[in-house]
Amino acid sequence: MQEIIKIISEHLDVDQSKITPSSNLIDDLNADWLDIPEIVIACEEKYTIHIEDSVTESIKTVQDLITAVENKK
């Protein structure tokens, strides 16, 4: 989980302490609609996994992303 938070923090330039599993990527962390696929790609590269587009489209919160990654590991 901490590695995923680090990826989000670096991509969105948000302090890691402000990112919680319940944080909404767009509403709370000011991501835009292009940031989410880029964050997913960074996670895919980090963990050598593939997250389907349909799953990427459903990611709204940090926990959604964590779950998507964990389901592929």
C-alpha atoms as a PDB file:
ATOM      1  CA  MET A   1       0.000   0.000   0.000  1.00  0.00           C
ATOM      2  CA  GLN A   2       2.792   2.438   0.860  1.00  0.00           C
ATOM      3  CA  GLU A   3       4.410   2.008  -2.567  1.00  0.00           C
ATOM      4  CA  ILE A   4       1.102   2.847  -4.259  1.00  0.00           C
ATOM      5  CA  ILE A   5       0.697   5.927  -2.070  1.00  0.00           C
ATOM      6  CA  LYS A   6       4.247   6.924  -3.024  1.00  0.00           C
ATOM      7  CA  ILE A   7       3.404   6.597  -6.744  1.00  0.00           C
ATOM      8  CA  ILE A   8       0.281   8.727  -6.286  1.00  0.00           C
ATOM      9  CA  SER A   9       2.205  11.288  -4.235  1.00  0.00           C
ATOM     10  CA  GLU A  10       4.941  11.655  -6.840  1.00  0.00           C
ATOM     11  CA  HIS A  11       2.537  11.794  -9.778  1.00  0.00           C
ATOM     12  CA  LEU A  12       0.139  14.313  -8.248  1.00  0.00           C
ATOM     13  CA  ASP A  13       2.751  16.210  -6.200  1.00  0.00           C
ATOM     14  CA  VAL A  14       0.767  15.659  -3.000  1.00  0.00           C
ATOM     15  CA  ASP A  15       2.359  14.990   0.387  1.00  0.00           C
ATOM     16  CA  GLN A  16       2.063  11.299   1.278  1.00  0.00           C
ATOM     17  CA  SER A  17       0.632  12.203   4.695  1.00  0.00           C
ATOM     18  CA  LYS A  18      -2.427  13.684   2.968  1.00  0.00           C
ATOM     19  CA  ILE A  19      -3.196  10.444   1.089  1.00  0.00           C
ATOM     20  CA  THR A  20      -5.434   7.883   2.776  1.00  0.00           C
ATOM     21  CA  PRO A  21      -7.167   4.811   1.357  1.00  0.00           C
ATOM     22  CA  SER A  22     -10.464   6.701   1.348  1.00  0.00           C
ATOM     23  CA  SER A  23      -9.039   9.693  -0.559  1.00  0.00           C
ATOM     24  CA  ASN A  24     -10.892  10.354  -3.805  1.00  0.00           C
ATOM     25  CA  LEU A  25      -8.278  10.819  -6.511  1.00  0.00           C
ATOM     26  CA  ILE A  26     -10.164  13.621  -8.266  1.00  0.00           C
ATOM     27  CA  ASP A  27     -12.089  15.342  -5.476  1.00  0.00           C
ATOM     28  CA  ASP A  28      -9.525  15.090  -2.666  1.00  0.00           C
ATOM     29  CA  LEU A  29      -6.186  14.862  -4.470  1.00  0.00           C
ATOM     30  CA  ASN A  30      -6.967  17.094  -7.475  1.00  0.00           C
ATOM     31  CA  ALA A  31      -6.186  14.476 -10.111  1.00  0.00           C
ATOM     32  CA  ASP A  32      -7.724  15.012 -13.517  1.00  0.00           C
ATOM     33  CA  TRP A  33      -9.211  12.325 -15.740  1.00  0.00           C
ATOM     34  CA  LEU A  34      -5.846  11.762 -17.457  1.00  0.00           C
ATOM     35  CA  ASP A  35      -3.912  11.318 -14.221  1.00  0.00           C
ATOM     36  CA  ILE A  36      -5.687   8.123 -13.193  1.00  0.00           C
ATOM     37  CA  PRO A  37      -4.630   6.030 -16.225  1.00  0.00           C
ATOM     38  CA  GLU A  38      -1.086   7.375 -15.854  1.00  0.00           C
ATOM     39  CA  ILE A  39      -1.008   6.343 -12.183  1.00  0.00           C
ATOM     40  CA  VAL A  40      -2.379   2.916 -13.119  1.00  0.00           C
ATOM     41  CA  ILE A  41       0.362   2.527 -15.758  1.00  0.00           C
ATOM     42  CA  ALA A  42       2.997   3.451 -13.168  1.00  0.00           C
ATOM     43  CA  CYS A  43       1.598   0.773 -10.840  1.00  0.00           C
ATOM     44  CA  GLU A  44       1.510  -1.764 -13.685  1.00  0.00           C
ATOM     45  CA  GLU A  45       5.172  -1.088 -14.425  1.00  0.00           C
ATOM     46  CA  LYS A  46       6.153  -1.222 -10.738  1.00  0.00           C
ATOM     47  CA  TYR A  47       4.421  -4.559 -10.121  1.00  0.00           C
ATOM     48  CA  THR A  48       4.684  -6.059 -13.646  1.00  0.00           C
ATOM     49  CA  ILE A  49       0.925  -6.535 -13.893  1.00  0.00           C
ATOM     50  CA  HIS A  50      -1.880  -5.527 -16.258  1.00  0.00           C
ATOM     51  CA  ILE A  51      -5.049  -3.834 -15.048  1.00  0.00           C
ATOM     52  CA  GLU A  52      -7.910  -3.967 -17.538  1.00  0.00           C
ATOM     53  CA  ASP A  53      -9.323  -0.718 -18.893  1.00  0.00           C
ATOM     54  CA  SER A  54     -12.734  -1.506 -17.396  1.00  0.00           C
ATOM     55  CA  VAL A  55     -11.123  -1.695 -13.947  1.00  0.00           C
ATOM     56  CA  THR A  56      -9.130   1.493 -14.536  1.00  0.00           C
ATOM     57  CA  GLU A  57     -12.346   3.307 -15.422  1.00  0.00           C
ATOM     58  CA  SER A  58     -13.895   2.280 -12.093  1.00  0.00           C
ATOM     59  CA  ILE A  59     -11.007   3.558  -9.946  1.00  0.00           C
ATOM     60  CA  LYS A  60     -12.166   6.542  -7.909  1.00  0.00           C
ATOM     61  CA  THR A  61     -10.344   6.230  -4.590  1.00  0.00           C
ATOM     62  CA  VAL A  62      -6.885   5.242  -3.436  1.00  0.00           C
ATOM     63  CA  GLN A  63      -8.413   2.041  -2.023  1.00  0.00           C
ATOM     64  CA  ASP A  64      -9.891   1.223  -5.440  1.00  0.00           C
ATOM     65  CA  LEU A  65      -6.380   1.390  -6.886  1.00  0.00           C
ATOM     66  CA  ILE A  66      -4.878  -0.652  -4.058  1.00  0.00           C
ATOM     67  CA  THR A  67      -7.535  -3.315  -4.551  1.00  0.00           C
ATOM     68  CA  ALA A  68      -7.000  -3.397  -8.316  1.00  0.00           C
ATOM     69  CA  VAL A  69      -3.246  -3.893  -7.828  1.00  0.00           C
ATOM     70  CA  GLU A  70      -3.665  -6.501  -5.086  1.00  0.00           C
ATOM     71  CA  ASN A  71      -6.096  -8.485  -7.252  1.00  0.00           C
ATOM     72  CA  LYS A  72      -3.386  -8.759  -9.943  1.00  0.00           C
ATOM     73  CA  LYS A  73      -0.397  -9.620  -7.749  1.00  0.00           C
END
